[in-house]
Amino acid sequence: MSQFLDEVRTSIRHRGLADPTEKTYISWIKRYILFQEYQSQDEMTSAPRGVIEGPRGPLD
């Protein structure tokens, strides 16, 4: 998890976002990873369509 968070921090700093924003994003990511019980990145993104994207509207 540490290497992933380092990459996120580097990306945030490259974009020039504020320090409080970085801390907030890192906190959100840590809580999400704990919520997902440390699943691998592939497992977290293998949810069926609609679970992540939400339901499609009539114009989609």
PDB file of N, CA and C in Angstrom:
ATOM      1  N   MET A   1       0.828  -1.186   0.000  1.00  0.00           N
ATOM      2  CA  MET A   1       0.000   0.000   0.000  1.00  0.00           C
ATOM      3  C   MET A   1       0.872   1.249   0.000  1.00  0.00           C
ATOM      4  N   SER A   2       2.026   1.169   0.623  1.00  0.00           N
ATOM      5  CA  SER A   2       2.888   2.336   0.751  1.00  0.00           C
ATOM      6  C   SER A   2       3.368   2.847  -0.607  1.00  0.00           C
ATOM      7  N   GLN A   3       3.761   1.923  -1.492  1.00  0.00           N
ATOM      8  CA  GLN A   3       4.230   2.332  -2.815  1.00  0.00           C
ATOM      9  C   GLN A   3       3.097   3.002  -3.586  1.00  0.00           C
ATOM     10  N   PHE A   4       1.900   2.459  -3.494  1.00  0.00           N
ATOM     11  CA  PHE A   4       0.747   3.040  -4.172  1.00  0.00           C
ATOM     12  C   PHE A   4       0.478   4.452  -3.653  1.00  0.00           C
ATOM     13  N   LEU A   5       0.501   4.627  -2.328  1.00  0.00           N
ATOM     14  CA  LEU A   5       0.246   5.950  -1.754  1.00  0.00           C
ATOM     15  C   LEU A   5       1.341   6.939  -2.129  1.00  0.00           C
ATOM     16  N   ASP A   6       2.582   6.470  -2.232  1.00  0.00           N
ATOM     17  CA  ASP A   6       3.667   7.345  -2.691  1.00  0.00           C
ATOM     18  C   ASP A   6       3.414   7.825  -4.115  1.00  0.00           C
ATOM     19  N   GLU A   7       2.915   6.936  -4.969  1.00  0.00           N
ATOM     20  CA  GLU A   7       2.595   7.321  -6.344  1.00  0.00           C
ATOM     21  C   GLU A   7       1.458   8.340  -6.377  1.00  0.00           C
ATOM     22  N   VAL A   8       0.472   8.150  -5.508  1.00  0.00           N
ATOM     23  CA  VAL A   8      -0.644   9.103  -5.427  1.00  0.00           C
ATOM     24  C   VAL A   8      -0.121  10.463  -4.972  1.00  0.00           C
ATOM     25  N   ARG A   9       0.722  10.475  -3.942  1.00  0.00           N
ATOM     26  CA  ARG A   9       1.292  11.735  -3.445  1.00  0.00           C
ATOM     27  C   ARG A   9       2.077  12.449  -4.536  1.00  0.00           C
ATOM     28  N   THR A  10       2.882  11.697  -5.277  1.00  0.00           N
ATOM     29  CA  THR A  10       3.661  12.289  -6.362  1.00  0.00           C
ATOM     30  C   THR A  10       2.748  12.906  -7.407  1.00  0.00           C
ATOM     31  N   SER A  11       1.684  12.210  -7.756  1.00  0.00           N
ATOM     32  CA  SER A  11       0.730  12.717  -8.740  1.00  0.00           C
ATOM     33  C   SER A  11       0.043  13.988  -8.239  1.00  0.00           C
ATOM     34  N   ILE A  12      -0.357  13.987  -6.977  1.00  0.00           N
ATOM     35  CA  ILE A  12      -1.024  15.158  -6.400  1.00  0.00           C
ATOM     36  C   ILE A  12      -0.078  16.355  -6.405  1.00  0.00           C
ATOM     37  N   ARG A  13       1.161  16.136  -6.015  1.00  0.00           N
ATOM     38  CA  ARG A  13       2.142  17.227  -5.968  1.00  0.00           C
ATOM     39  C   ARG A  13       2.467  17.729  -7.363  1.00  0.00           C
ATOM     40  N   HIS A  14       2.523  16.810  -8.327  1.00  0.00           N
ATOM     41  CA  HIS A  14       2.782  17.196  -9.719  1.00  0.00           C
ATOM     42  C   HIS A  14       1.675  18.110 -10.242  1.00  0.00           C
ATOM     43  N   ARG A  15       0.453  17.866  -9.799  1.00  0.00           N
ATOM     44  CA  ARG A  15      -0.685  18.686 -10.216  1.00  0.00           C
ATOM     45  C   ARG A  15      -0.753  20.010  -9.463  1.00  0.00           C
ATOM     46  N   GLY A  16       0.067  20.161  -8.437  1.00  0.00           N
ATOM     47  CA  GLY A  16       0.115  21.408  -7.690  1.00  0.00           C
ATOM     48  C   GLY A  16      -1.042  21.612  -6.728  1.00  0.00           C
ATOM     49  N   LEU A  17      -1.622  20.516  -6.247  1.00  0.00           N
ATOM     50  CA  LEU A  17      -2.733  20.635  -5.309  1.00  0.00           C
ATOM     51  C   LEU A  17      -2.213  20.994  -3.917  1.00  0.00           C
ATOM     52  N   ALA A  18      -3.054  21.597  -3.112  1.00  0.00           N
ATOM     53  CA  ALA A  18      -2.679  22.057  -1.776  1.00  0.00           C
ATOM     54  C   ALA A  18      -2.413  20.885  -0.834  1.00  0.00           C
ATOM     55  N   ASP A  19      -1.598  21.131   0.191  1.00  0.00           N
ATOM     56  CA  ASP A  19      -1.278  20.095   1.180  1.00  0.00           C
ATOM     57  C   ASP A  19      -2.520  19.527   1.872  1.00  0.00           C
ATOM     58  N   PRO A  20      -3.472  20.372   2.302  1.00  0.00           N
ATOM     59  CA  PRO A  20      -4.680  19.794   2.916  1.00  0.00           C
ATOM     60  C   PRO A  20      -5.454  18.884   1.954  1.00  0.00           C
ATOM     61  N   THR A  21      -5.438  19.210   0.672  1.00  0.00           N
ATOM     62  CA  THR A  21      -6.101  18.367  -0.327  1.00  0.00           C
ATOM     63  C   THR A  21      -5.405  17.016  -0.409  1.00  0.00           C
ATOM     64  N   GLU A  22      -4.079  17.033  -0.419  1.00  0.00           N
ATOM     65  CA  GLU A  22      -3.310  15.785  -0.449  1.00  0.00           C
ATOM     66  C   GLU A  22      -3.646  14.918   0.759  1.00  0.00           C
ATOM     67  N   LYS A  23      -3.664  15.510   1.930  1.00  0.00           N
ATOM     68  CA  LYS A  23      -3.963  14.754   3.151  1.00  0.00           C
ATOM     69  C   LYS A  23      -5.367  14.163   3.103  1.00  0.00           C
ATOM     70  N   THR A  24      -6.315  14.941   2.591  1.00  0.00           N
ATOM     71  CA  THR A  24      -7.693  14.457   2.490  1.00  0.00           C
ATOM     72  C   THR A  24      -7.788  13.294   1.519  1.00  0.00           C
ATOM     73  N   TYR A  25      -7.177  13.420   0.338  1.00  0.00           N
ATOM     74  CA  TYR A  25      -7.225  12.346  -0.657  1.00  0.00           C
ATOM     75  C   TYR A  25      -6.583  11.072  -0.118  1.00  0.00           C
ATOM     76  N   ILE A  26      -5.424  11.203   0.527  1.00  0.00           N
ATOM     77  CA  ILE A  26      -4.735  10.037   1.082  1.00  0.00           C
ATOM     78  C   ILE A  26      -5.604   9.373   2.146  1.00  0.00           C
ATOM     79  N   SER A  27      -6.250  10.176   2.974  1.00  0.00           N
ATOM     80  CA  SER A  27      -7.142   9.633   4.002  1.00  0.00           C
ATOM     81  C   SER A  27      -8.299   8.869   3.374  1.00  0.00           C
ATOM     82  N   TRP A  28      -8.910   9.442   2.344  1.00  0.00           N
ATOM     83  CA  TRP A  28     -10.013   8.760   1.654  1.00  0.00           C
ATOM     84  C   TRP A  28      -9.551   7.426   1.075  1.00  0.00           C
ATOM     85  N   ILE A  29      -8.385   7.430   0.443  1.00  0.00           N
ATOM     86  CA  ILE A  29      -7.865   6.211  -0.183  1.00  0.00           C
ATOM     87  C   ILE A  29      -7.596   5.136   0.873  1.00  0.00           C
ATOM     88  N   LYS A  30      -6.975   5.523   1.983  1.00  0.00           N
ATOM     89  CA  LYS A  30      -6.701   4.557   3.054  1.00  0.00           C
ATOM     90  C   LYS A  30      -7.992   3.950   3.586  1.00  0.00           C
ATOM     91  N   ARG A  31      -9.001   4.793   3.814  1.00  0.00           N
ATOM     92  CA  ARG A  31     -10.274   4.281   4.323  1.00  0.00           C
ATOM     93  C   ARG A  31     -10.937   3.363   3.310  1.00  0.00           C
ATOM     94  N   TYR A  32     -10.832   3.681   2.017  1.00  0.00           N
ATOM     95  CA  TYR A  32     -11.423   2.827   0.984  1.00  0.00           C
ATOM     96  C   TYR A  32     -10.723   1.467   0.943  1.00  0.00           C
ATOM     97  N   ILE A  33      -9.398   1.486   1.034  1.00  0.00           N
ATOM     98  CA  ILE A  33      -8.646   0.229   1.018  1.00  0.00           C
ATOM     99  C   ILE A  33      -9.015  -0.620   2.234  1.00  0.00           C
ATOM    100  N   LEU A  34      -9.126  -0.005   3.397  1.00  0.00           N
ATOM    101  CA  LEU A  34      -9.543  -0.752   4.591  1.00  0.00           C
ATOM    102  C   LEU A  34     -10.956  -1.289   4.427  1.00  0.00           C
ATOM    103  N   PHE A  35     -11.842  -0.503   3.831  1.00  0.00           N
ATOM    104  CA  PHE A  35     -13.212  -0.943   3.582  1.00  0.00           C
ATOM    105  C   PHE A  35     -13.228  -2.156   2.659  1.00  0.00           C
ATOM    106  N   GLN A  36     -12.347  -2.176   1.671  1.00  0.00           N
ATOM    107  CA  GLN A  36     -12.264  -3.282   0.721  1.00  0.00           C
ATOM    108  C   GLN A  36     -11.454  -4.451   1.275  1.00  0.00           C
ATOM    109  N   GLU A  37     -10.992  -4.338   2.512  1.00  0.00           N
ATOM    110  CA  GLU A  37     -10.251  -5.401   3.196  1.00  0.00           C
ATOM    111  C   GLU A  37      -8.989  -5.814   2.444  1.00  0.00           C
ATOM    112  N   TYR A  38      -8.240  -4.831   1.990  1.00  0.00           N
ATOM    113  CA  TYR A  38      -6.948  -5.042   1.353  1.00  0.00           C
ATOM    114  C   TYR A  38      -6.998  -5.941   0.126  1.00  0.00           C
ATOM    115  N   GLN A  39      -8.046  -5.870  -0.646  1.00  0.00           N
ATOM    116  CA  GLN A  39      -8.099  -6.623  -1.896  1.00  0.00           C
ATOM    117  C   GLN A  39      -7.073  -6.025  -2.854  1.00  0.00           C
ATOM    118  N   SER A  40      -6.659  -6.817  -3.823  1.00  0.00           N
ATOM    119  CA  SER A  40      -5.745  -6.294  -4.824  1.00  0.00           C
ATOM    120  C   SER A  40      -6.490  -5.296  -5.699  1.00  0.00           C
ATOM    121  N   GLN A  41      -5.742  -4.489  -6.420  1.00  0.00           N
ATOM    122  CA  GLN A  41      -6.346  -3.479  -7.286  1.00  0.00           C
ATOM    123  C   GLN A  41      -7.251  -4.128  -8.334  1.00  0.00           C
ATOM    124  N   ASP A  42      -6.857  -5.286  -8.860  1.00  0.00           N
ATOM    125  CA  ASP A  42      -7.683  -5.984  -9.852  1.00  0.00           C
ATOM    126  C   ASP A  42      -9.006  -6.440  -9.252  1.00  0.00           C
ATOM    127  N   GLU A  43      -8.969  -6.924  -8.026  1.00  0.00           N
ATOM    128  CA  GLU A  43     -10.196  -7.382  -7.375  1.00  0.00           C
ATOM    129  C   GLU A  43     -11.145  -6.225  -7.077  1.00  0.00           C
ATOM    130  N   MET A  44     -10.588  -5.069  -6.720  1.00  0.00           N
ATOM    131  CA  MET A  44     -11.430  -3.914  -6.406  1.00  0.00           C
ATOM    132  C   MET A  44     -12.130  -3.372  -7.642  1.00  0.00           C
ATOM    133  N   THR A  45     -11.518  -3.551  -8.807  1.00  0.00           N
ATOM    134  CA  THR A  45     -12.093  -2.979 -10.022  1.00  0.00           C
ATOM    135  C   THR A  45     -12.854  -4.008 -10.843  1.00  0.00           C
ATOM    136  N   SER A  46     -13.081  -5.207 -10.294  1.00  0.00           N
ATOM    137  CA  SER A  46     -13.764  -6.235 -11.070  1.00  0.00           C
ATOM    138  C   SER A  46     -15.255  -6.320 -10.742  1.00  0.00           C
ATOM    139  N   ALA A  47     -15.803  -5.262 -10.176  1.00  0.00           N
ATOM    140  CA  ALA A  47     -17.239  -5.250  -9.871  1.00  0.00           C
ATOM    141  C   ALA A  47     -18.040  -5.234 -11.172  1.00  0.00           C
ATOM    142  N   PRO A  48     -19.216  -5.817 -11.158  1.00  0.00           N
ATOM    143  CA  PRO A  48     -20.053  -5.811 -12.355  1.00  0.00           C
ATOM    144  C   PRO A  48     -20.405  -4.385 -12.779  1.00  0.00           C
ATOM    145  N   ARG A  49     -20.604  -4.212 -14.061  1.00  0.00           N
ATOM    146  CA  ARG A  49     -20.963  -2.898 -14.584  1.00  0.00           C
ATOM    147  C   ARG A  49     -22.229  -2.416 -13.881  1.00  0.00           C
ATOM    148  N   GLY A  50     -22.274  -1.164 -13.561  1.00  0.00           N
ATOM    149  CA  GLY A  50     -23.424  -0.603 -12.878  1.00  0.00           C
ATOM    150  C   GLY A  50     -23.176  -0.420 -11.396  1.00  0.00           C
ATOM    151  N   VAL A  51     -22.366  -1.290 -10.815  1.00  0.00           N
ATOM    152  CA  VAL A  51     -22.070  -1.150  -9.393  1.00  0.00           C
ATOM    153  C   VAL A  51     -21.179   0.066  -9.182  1.00  0.00           C
ATOM    154  N   ILE A  52     -20.197   0.238 -10.057  1.00  0.00           N
ATOM    155  CA  ILE A  52     -19.287   1.373  -9.950  1.00  0.00           C
ATOM    156  C   ILE A  52     -19.866   2.589 -10.664  1.00  0.00           C
ATOM    157  N   GLU A  53     -20.382   2.385 -11.848  1.00  0.00           N
ATOM    158  CA  GLU A  53     -20.831   3.501 -12.671  1.00  0.00           C
ATOM    159  C   GLU A  53     -22.231   3.977 -12.318  1.00  0.00           C
ATOM    160  N   GLY A  54     -22.992   3.162 -11.654  1.00  0.00           N
ATOM    161  CA  GLY A  54     -24.369   3.522 -11.347  1.00  0.00           C
ATOM    162  C   GLY A  54     -25.280   3.124 -12.496  1.00  0.00           C
ATOM    163  N   PRO A  55     -26.561   3.244 -12.272  1.00  0.00           N
ATOM    164  CA  PRO A  55     -27.506   2.846 -13.325  1.00  0.00           C
ATOM    165  C   PRO A  55     -27.441   3.793 -14.514  1.00  0.00           C
ATOM    166  N   ARG A  56     -27.724   3.256 -15.677  1.00  0.00           N
ATOM    167  CA  ARG A  56     -27.739   4.077 -16.886  1.00  0.00           C
ATOM    168  C   ARG A  56     -29.095   4.743 -17.016  1.00  0.00           C
ATOM    169  N   GLY A  57     -29.069   5.964 -17.486  1.00  0.00           N
ATOM    170  CA  GLY A  57     -30.309   6.698 -17.715  1.00  0.00           C
ATOM    171  C   GLY A  57     -30.879   6.383 -19.082  1.00  0.00           C
ATOM    172  N   PRO A  58     -32.065   6.876 -19.400  1.00  0.00           N
ATOM    173  CA  PRO A  58     -32.707   6.569 -20.679  1.00  0.00           C
ATOM    174  C   PRO A  58     -31.968   7.157 -21.879  1.00  0.00           C
ATOM    175  N   LEU A  59     -31.103   8.148 -21.652  1.00  0.00           N
ATOM    176  CA  LEU A  59     -30.385   8.776 -22.765  1.00  0.00           C
ATOM    177  C   LEU A  59     -28.980   8.237 -22.934  1.00  0.00           C
ATOM    178  N   ASP A  60     -28.565   7.277 -22.111  1.00  0.00           N
ATOM    179  CA  ASP A  60     -27.205   6.721 -22.201  1.00  0.00           C
ATOM    180  C   ASP A  60     -27.113   5.668 -23.267  1.00  0.00           C
TER     181      ASP A  60
END
